[in-house]
C-alpha atoms as a PDB file:
ATOM      1  CA  MET A   1       8.443 -32.568  12.220  1.00  0.00           C
ATOM      2  CA  MET A   2       7.190 -29.905  10.020  1.00  0.00           C
ATOM      3  CA  THR A   3       6.204 -30.248   6.627  1.00  0.00           C
ATOM      4  CA  GLY A   4       4.891 -27.543   3.745  1.00  0.00           C
ATOM      5  CA  ALA A   5       4.895 -27.105   0.167  1.00  0.00           C
ATOM      6  CA  ALA A   6       8.015 -27.405  -1.488  1.00  0.00           C
ATOM      7  CA  LEU A   7       9.387 -24.154  -2.740  1.00  0.00           C
ATOM      8  CA  ASP A   8      10.258 -23.615  -6.833  1.00  0.00           C
ATOM      9  CA  ARG A   9      13.946 -23.383  -7.561  1.00  0.00           C
ATOM     10  CA  ASP A  10      13.369 -20.520 -10.217  1.00  0.00           C
ATOM     11  CA  VAL A  11      10.907 -17.998  -9.169  1.00  0.00           C
ATOM     12  CA  ALA A  12       9.987 -14.781 -10.834  1.00  0.00           C
ATOM     13  CA  LEU A  13       9.203 -11.574  -8.592  1.00  0.00           C
ATOM     14  CA  VAL A  14       6.889  -8.648  -9.800  1.00  0.00           C
ATOM     15  CA  ASP A  15       6.862  -5.539  -7.489  1.00  0.00           C
ATOM     16  CA  ALA A  16       4.635  -2.573  -8.907  1.00  0.00           C
ATOM     17  CA  GLY A  17       2.961   0.438  -7.348  1.00  0.00           C
ATOM     18  CA  LEU A  18       1.063   3.693  -8.561  1.00  0.00           C
ATOM     19  CA  ASN A  19       0.485   6.908  -6.467  1.00  0.00           C
ATOM     20  CA  PHE A  20      -2.392   8.991  -7.357  1.00  0.00           C
ATOM     21  CA  SER A  21      -2.515  12.671  -6.426  1.00  0.00           C
ATOM     22  CA  VAL A  22      -6.482  13.268  -6.851  1.00  0.00           C
ATOM     23  CA  THR A  23      -5.822  16.891  -5.203  1.00  0.00           C
ATOM     24  CA  ASP A  24      -3.203  18.432  -3.199  1.00  0.00           C
ATOM     25  CA  ASN A  25      -4.867  17.252   0.045  1.00  0.00           C
ATOM     26  CA  LEU A  26      -5.806  13.575  -1.365  1.00  0.00           C
ATOM     27  CA  ASN A  27      -3.231  10.523  -2.517  1.00  0.00           C
ATOM     28  CA  ILE A  28      -4.106   6.979  -3.309  1.00  0.00           C
ATOM     29  CA  THR A  29      -1.483   4.594  -3.380  1.00  0.00           C
ATOM     30  CA  THR A  30      -1.454   0.925  -4.828  1.00  0.00           C
ATOM     31  CA  ASP A  31       0.818  -1.691  -4.426  1.00  0.00           C
ATOM     32  CA  TYR A  32       1.201  -5.194  -5.714  1.00  0.00           C
ATOM     33  CA  ILE A  33       3.809  -7.924  -5.098  1.00  0.00           C
ATOM     34  CA  GLY A  34       3.652 -11.177  -6.937  1.00  0.00           C
ATOM     35  CA  SER A  35       5.836 -14.116  -7.054  1.00  0.00           C
ATOM     36  CA  PHE A  36       5.349 -16.885  -9.936  1.00  0.00           C
ATOM     37  CA  GLY A  37       6.996 -20.496  -9.685  1.00  0.00           C
ATOM     38  CA  GLU A  38       6.202 -23.554 -11.489  1.00  0.00           C
ATOM     39  CA  ARG A  39       4.069 -25.108  -8.952  1.00  0.00           C
ATOM     40  CA  LEU A  40       3.612 -21.996  -6.512  1.00  0.00           C
ATOM     41  CA  GLN A  41       1.721 -18.702  -7.359  1.00  0.00           C
ATOM     42  CA  ASP A  42       1.702 -15.617  -4.358  1.00  0.00           C
ATOM     43  CA  HIS A  43      -0.205 -12.609  -4.929  1.00  0.00           C
ATOM     44  CA  THR A  44      -0.219  -9.401  -2.846  1.00  0.00           C
ATOM     45  CA  PHE A  45      -2.480  -6.596  -3.591  1.00  0.00           C
ATOM     46  CA  ALA A  46      -2.520  -3.255  -0.803  1.00  0.00           C
ATOM     47  CA  ALA A  47      -4.221   0.263  -1.237  1.00  0.00           C
ATOM     48  CA  LYS A  48      -3.717   3.558   1.135  1.00  0.00           C
ATOM     49  CA  LEU A  49      -5.844   6.554   0.813  1.00  0.00           C
ATOM     50  CA  ARG A  50      -3.899   9.544   2.630  1.00  0.00           C
ATOM     51  CA  ALA A  51      -6.399  12.579   3.447  1.00  0.00           C
ATOM     52  CA  ARG A  52      -4.796  15.682   5.096  1.00  0.00           C
ATOM     53  CA  PHE A  53      -7.575  18.132   6.453  1.00  0.00           C
ATOM     54  CA  GLN A  54      -7.048  21.909   6.720  1.00  0.00           C
ATOM     55  CA  GLY A  55      -9.505  23.722   8.799  1.00  0.00           C
ATOM     56  CA  GLY A  56     -10.816  27.169   8.555  1.00  0.00           C
ATOM     57  CA  ARG A  57     -10.844  29.563  11.306  1.00  0.00           C
ATOM     58  CA  HIS A  58     -11.991  26.864  14.091  1.00  0.00           C
ATOM     59  CA  GLY A  59     -10.470  23.679  12.260  1.00  0.00           C
ATOM     60  CA  PHE A  60      -9.224  20.614  13.872  1.00  0.00           C
ATOM     61  CA  MET A  61      -5.706  21.553  13.095  1.00  0.00           C
ATOM     62  CA  ARG A  62      -5.680  25.165  14.278  1.00  0.00           C
ATOM     63  CA  SER A  63      -7.306  24.192  17.335  1.00  0.00           C
ATOM     64  CA  CYS A  64      -4.665  21.384  18.083  1.00  0.00           C
ATOM     65  CA  ARG A  65      -1.713  23.760  17.779  1.00  0.00           C
ATOM     66  CA  SER A  66      -3.095  26.702  19.826  1.00  0.00           C
ATOM     67  CA  ARG A  67      -3.257  24.151  22.971  1.00  0.00           C
END
């Protein structure tokens, strides 16, 4: 037999996110998901950092392409 917390009948869900372009090669993304009930609340927050590196004459991306 498994038991757990009873789920609320009415729950409000919130989902929001932001995306910041710091530069052409640097992005920051944030996400929030929340659920709110009479007896239960759940919150999730996530952040991502995405960077793109472009090399010069001997850069990493150029050396990978030439092989």
